C-alpha cells in the first residue's frame, strides 16, 4: 500500500539522520482509503493517489503552522508499506481534516521510500500565506480558504530518495 507521509524540511532532515520515519510512535500518513474514494469519486488509482498526496501536502501545511522556524515549503515522503500496516480510523472518516488519514504501525526505513515531494522555492510566499490563513480557514472563512487553496496551485516537485541528503543540506 502506498502512503504519503507529511513532513517539514526539518522533519525530513531528522528522518534522513535517523534513517527512518515514525521512530517515535505510530506514523500519520495519507492513503487511498474508502473515505477518500467516496470523497473523490474516481476509480482511477493514479488520480486517487494524487488526491492522497494532496491531503498529505495539506497536513504538511499544518505541521508548518506548528513549527515557525521551519522553511515554508511542504514536504511529503511516498512510501510503500505492507497491506495491514496502515489502518484508517472509521470514526474519523467524515472529518474533512482526516480524509485519507491512516496510521502506520512501526517505523519505516527511509531507504525504502519511493520518492520525496517538496515545494519549489517559488512556492514559499504562497505556502507562508496559507500557513497564516489556516486558523481562519478552519473556522469557515472563505477568503482564508482561498488563500490556503493557493498553496495547492504549486505542484510538489518529485525527488528520488538518493537526493534527500542534498535537499536537507541545501536548506540549512
Protein backbone atom coordinates (compact mmCIF):
# COMPACT_ATOMS: atom_id res chain seq x y z
CA UNK A 1 0.00 0.00 0.00
CA UNK A 2 1.38 3.42 -0.96
CA UNK A 3 1.17 6.00 1.84
CA UNK A 4 2.15 9.66 1.84
CA UNK A 5 3.85 10.95 4.98
CA UNK A 6 3.59 14.70 5.62
CA UNK A 7 6.73 16.36 6.96
CA UNK A 8 8.55 19.64 7.21
CA UNK A 9 12.07 20.06 5.88
CA UNK A 10 13.49 19.77 9.44
CA UNK A 11 11.41 16.60 9.85
CA UNK A 12 12.87 15.24 6.62
CA UNK A 13 16.37 16.13 7.83
CA UNK A 14 15.70 14.23 11.07
CA UNK A 15 14.40 11.22 9.15
CA UNK A 16 17.50 11.34 6.96
CA UNK A 17 19.71 11.44 10.07
CA UNK A 18 17.96 8.52 11.79
CA UNK A 19 17.24 6.60 8.60
CA UNK A 20 13.58 6.06 9.43
CA UNK A 21 10.13 7.59 9.63
CA UNK A 22 7.91 7.04 12.64
CA UNK A 23 10.53 6.09 15.19
CA UNK A 24 8.63 7.90 17.95
CA UNK A 25 5.32 6.10 17.57
CA UNK A 26 2.57 5.48 15.04
CA UNK A 27 3.19 7.35 11.83
CA UNK A 28 0.41 9.56 10.48
CA UNK A 29 0.16 9.30 6.71
CA UNK A 30 -2.40 9.60 3.93
CA UNK A 31 -3.52 6.91 1.51
CA UNK A 32 -6.34 5.81 -0.75
CA UNK A 33 -8.93 4.92 1.88
CA UNK A 34 -12.63 4.12 1.38
CA UNK A 35 -13.45 7.62 2.62
CA UNK A 36 -11.07 9.22 0.13
CA UNK A 37 -12.55 7.11 -2.70
CA UNK A 38 -16.04 8.25 -1.77
CA UNK A 39 -15.00 11.90 -1.48
CA UNK A 40 -13.01 11.99 -4.72
CA UNK A 41 -15.47 9.84 -6.70
CA UNK A 42 -12.99 8.24 -9.06
CA UNK A 43 -11.89 4.74 -9.90
CA UNK A 44 -8.57 5.88 -11.40
CA UNK A 45 -5.88 4.80 -8.91
CA UNK A 46 -3.43 7.45 -10.15
CA UNK A 47 -5.99 10.19 -9.53
CA UNK A 48 -6.78 8.76 -6.11
CA UNK A 49 -3.10 8.57 -5.16
CA UNK A 50 -2.65 12.17 -6.34
CA UNK A 51 -5.57 13.14 -4.07
CA UNK A 52 -3.90 11.32 -1.15
CA UNK A 53 -0.67 13.20 -1.91
CA UNK A 54 -2.67 16.44 -1.82
CA UNK A 55 -4.13 15.52 1.57
CA UNK A 56 -0.60 14.88 2.86
CA UNK A 57 0.53 18.25 1.47
CA UNK A 58 -2.29 19.91 3.42
CA UNK A 59 -1.19 18.06 6.55
CA UNK A 60 2.35 19.32 5.89
CA UNK A 61 0.92 22.86 6.00
CA UNK A 62 -0.47 22.08 9.44
CA UNK A 63 2.94 20.82 10.56
CA UNK A 64 4.49 24.06 9.29
CA UNK A 65 1.97 26.02 11.36
CA UNK A 66 3.27 24.29 14.48
CA UNK A 67 6.94 24.94 13.61
CA UNK A 68 7.56 28.66 12.98
CA UNK A 69 11.28 28.05 12.37
CA UNK A 70 10.75 25.56 9.54
CA UNK A 71 11.27 26.78 5.97
CA UNK A 72 7.89 27.39 4.37
CA UNK A 73 7.97 24.50 1.93
CA UNK A 74 5.72 21.46 2.15
CA UNK A 75 7.39 18.03 2.19
CA UNK A 76 5.81 14.62 1.66
CA UNK A 77 7.50 11.21 1.53
CA UNK A 78 5.83 8.49 -0.53
CA UNK A 79 6.48 5.02 0.82
CA UNK A 80 5.06 1.55 0.23
CA UNK A 81 4.12 -0.36 3.36
CA UNK A 82 2.76 -3.91 3.67
CA UNK A 83 -1.01 -4.27 3.49
CA UNK A 84 -2.35 -4.15 7.03
CA UNK A 85 0.48 -1.92 8.29
CA UNK A 86 -1.65 1.16 7.60
CA UNK A 87 -5.12 1.46 9.11
CA UNK A 88 -7.72 4.20 8.99
CA UNK A 89 -9.99 5.21 11.84
CA UNK A 90 -13.60 4.80 10.65
CA UNK A 91 -14.77 7.23 13.35
CA UNK A 92 -12.74 10.00 11.67
CA UNK A 93 -13.74 9.12 8.09
CA UNK A 94 -16.13 12.08 7.80
CA UNK A 95 -13.76 14.60 9.37
CA UNK A 96 -12.55 16.77 6.42
CA UNK A 97 -9.10 17.16 8.01
CA UNK A 98 -8.73 13.38 8.41
CA UNK A 99 -9.86 12.42 4.90
CA UNK A 100 -7.46 9.72 3.70
CA UNK A 101 -5.61 9.68 7.03
CA UNK A 102 -4.04 6.40 8.14
CA UNK A 103 -1.75 5.30 10.95
CA UNK A 104 1.26 3.19 10.09
CA UNK A 105 2.42 0.83 12.82
CA UNK A 106 6.13 0.67 13.42
CA UNK A 107 8.91 2.70 11.91
CA UNK A 108 9.53 2.72 8.17
CA UNK A 109 13.06 2.77 6.81
CA UNK A 110 13.60 5.94 4.77
CA UNK A 111 15.70 3.95 2.29
CA UNK A 112 12.51 2.07 1.36
CA UNK A 113 10.67 5.26 0.37
CA UNK A 114 9.55 5.52 -3.24
CA UNK A 115 10.03 9.29 -3.59
CA UNK A 116 10.09 12.64 -1.85
CA UNK A 117 7.85 15.53 -2.89
CA UNK A 118 8.83 19.10 -1.93
CA UNK A 119 7.72 22.59 -2.90
CA UNK A 120 9.97 24.61 -5.18
CA UNK A 121 11.48 27.79 -3.74
CA UNK A 122 8.94 29.93 -5.62
CA UNK A 123 6.09 28.42 -3.56
CA UNK A 124 7.35 29.84 -0.25
CA UNK A 125 5.30 33.06 -0.33
CA UNK A 126 2.04 31.22 -1.05
CA UNK A 127 2.82 28.48 1.47
CA UNK A 128 3.62 31.11 4.12
CA UNK A 129 0.31 32.86 3.42
CA UNK A 130 -1.53 29.52 3.56
CA UNK A 131 0.03 28.62 6.92
CA UNK A 132 -1.03 32.00 8.33
CA UNK A 133 -4.57 31.61 6.95
CA UNK A 134 -5.15 28.07 8.28
CA UNK A 135 -6.86 29.04 11.57
CA UNK A 136 -9.34 31.33 9.83
CA UNK A 137 -9.93 28.78 7.06
CA UNK A 138 -10.63 26.10 9.65
CA UNK A 139 -13.13 28.47 11.26
CA UNK A 140 -15.04 28.74 7.98
CA UNK A 141 -13.63 31.95 6.46
CA UNK A 142 -13.98 31.54 2.68
CA UNK A 143 -11.31 34.16 1.89
CA UNK A 144 -8.84 32.33 4.12
CA UNK A 145 -9.81 29.02 2.49
CA UNK A 146 -8.96 30.61 -0.88
CA UNK A 147 -5.51 31.54 0.45
CA UNK A 148 -4.93 28.01 1.76
CA UNK A 149 -6.03 26.60 -1.59
CA UNK A 150 -3.47 28.91 -3.23
CA UNK A 151 -0.68 26.72 -1.91
CA UNK A 152 -2.23 23.83 -3.84
CA UNK A 153 -1.60 25.75 -7.07
CA UNK A 154 2.04 24.79 -6.65
CA UNK A 155 2.85 21.26 -7.73
CA UNK A 156 5.20 19.45 -5.39
CA UNK A 157 8.44 18.53 -7.11
CA UNK A 158 9.48 14.87 -7.29
CA UNK A 159 12.86 13.77 -5.93
CA UNK A 160 14.48 10.36 -5.64
CA UNK A 161 15.32 9.12 -2.16
CA UNK A 162 19.02 9.37 -3.04
CA UNK A 163 18.57 13.16 -3.37
CA UNK A 164 17.43 13.70 0.23
CA UNK A 165 20.93 14.47 1.53
CA UNK A 166 21.29 17.31 -0.97
CA UNK A 167 17.80 18.60 -0.25
CA UNK A 168 18.27 18.84 3.51
CA UNK A 169 21.83 20.21 3.21
CA UNK A 170 20.78 22.95 0.78
CA UNK A 171 18.05 24.15 3.13
CA UNK A 172 20.28 24.77 6.12
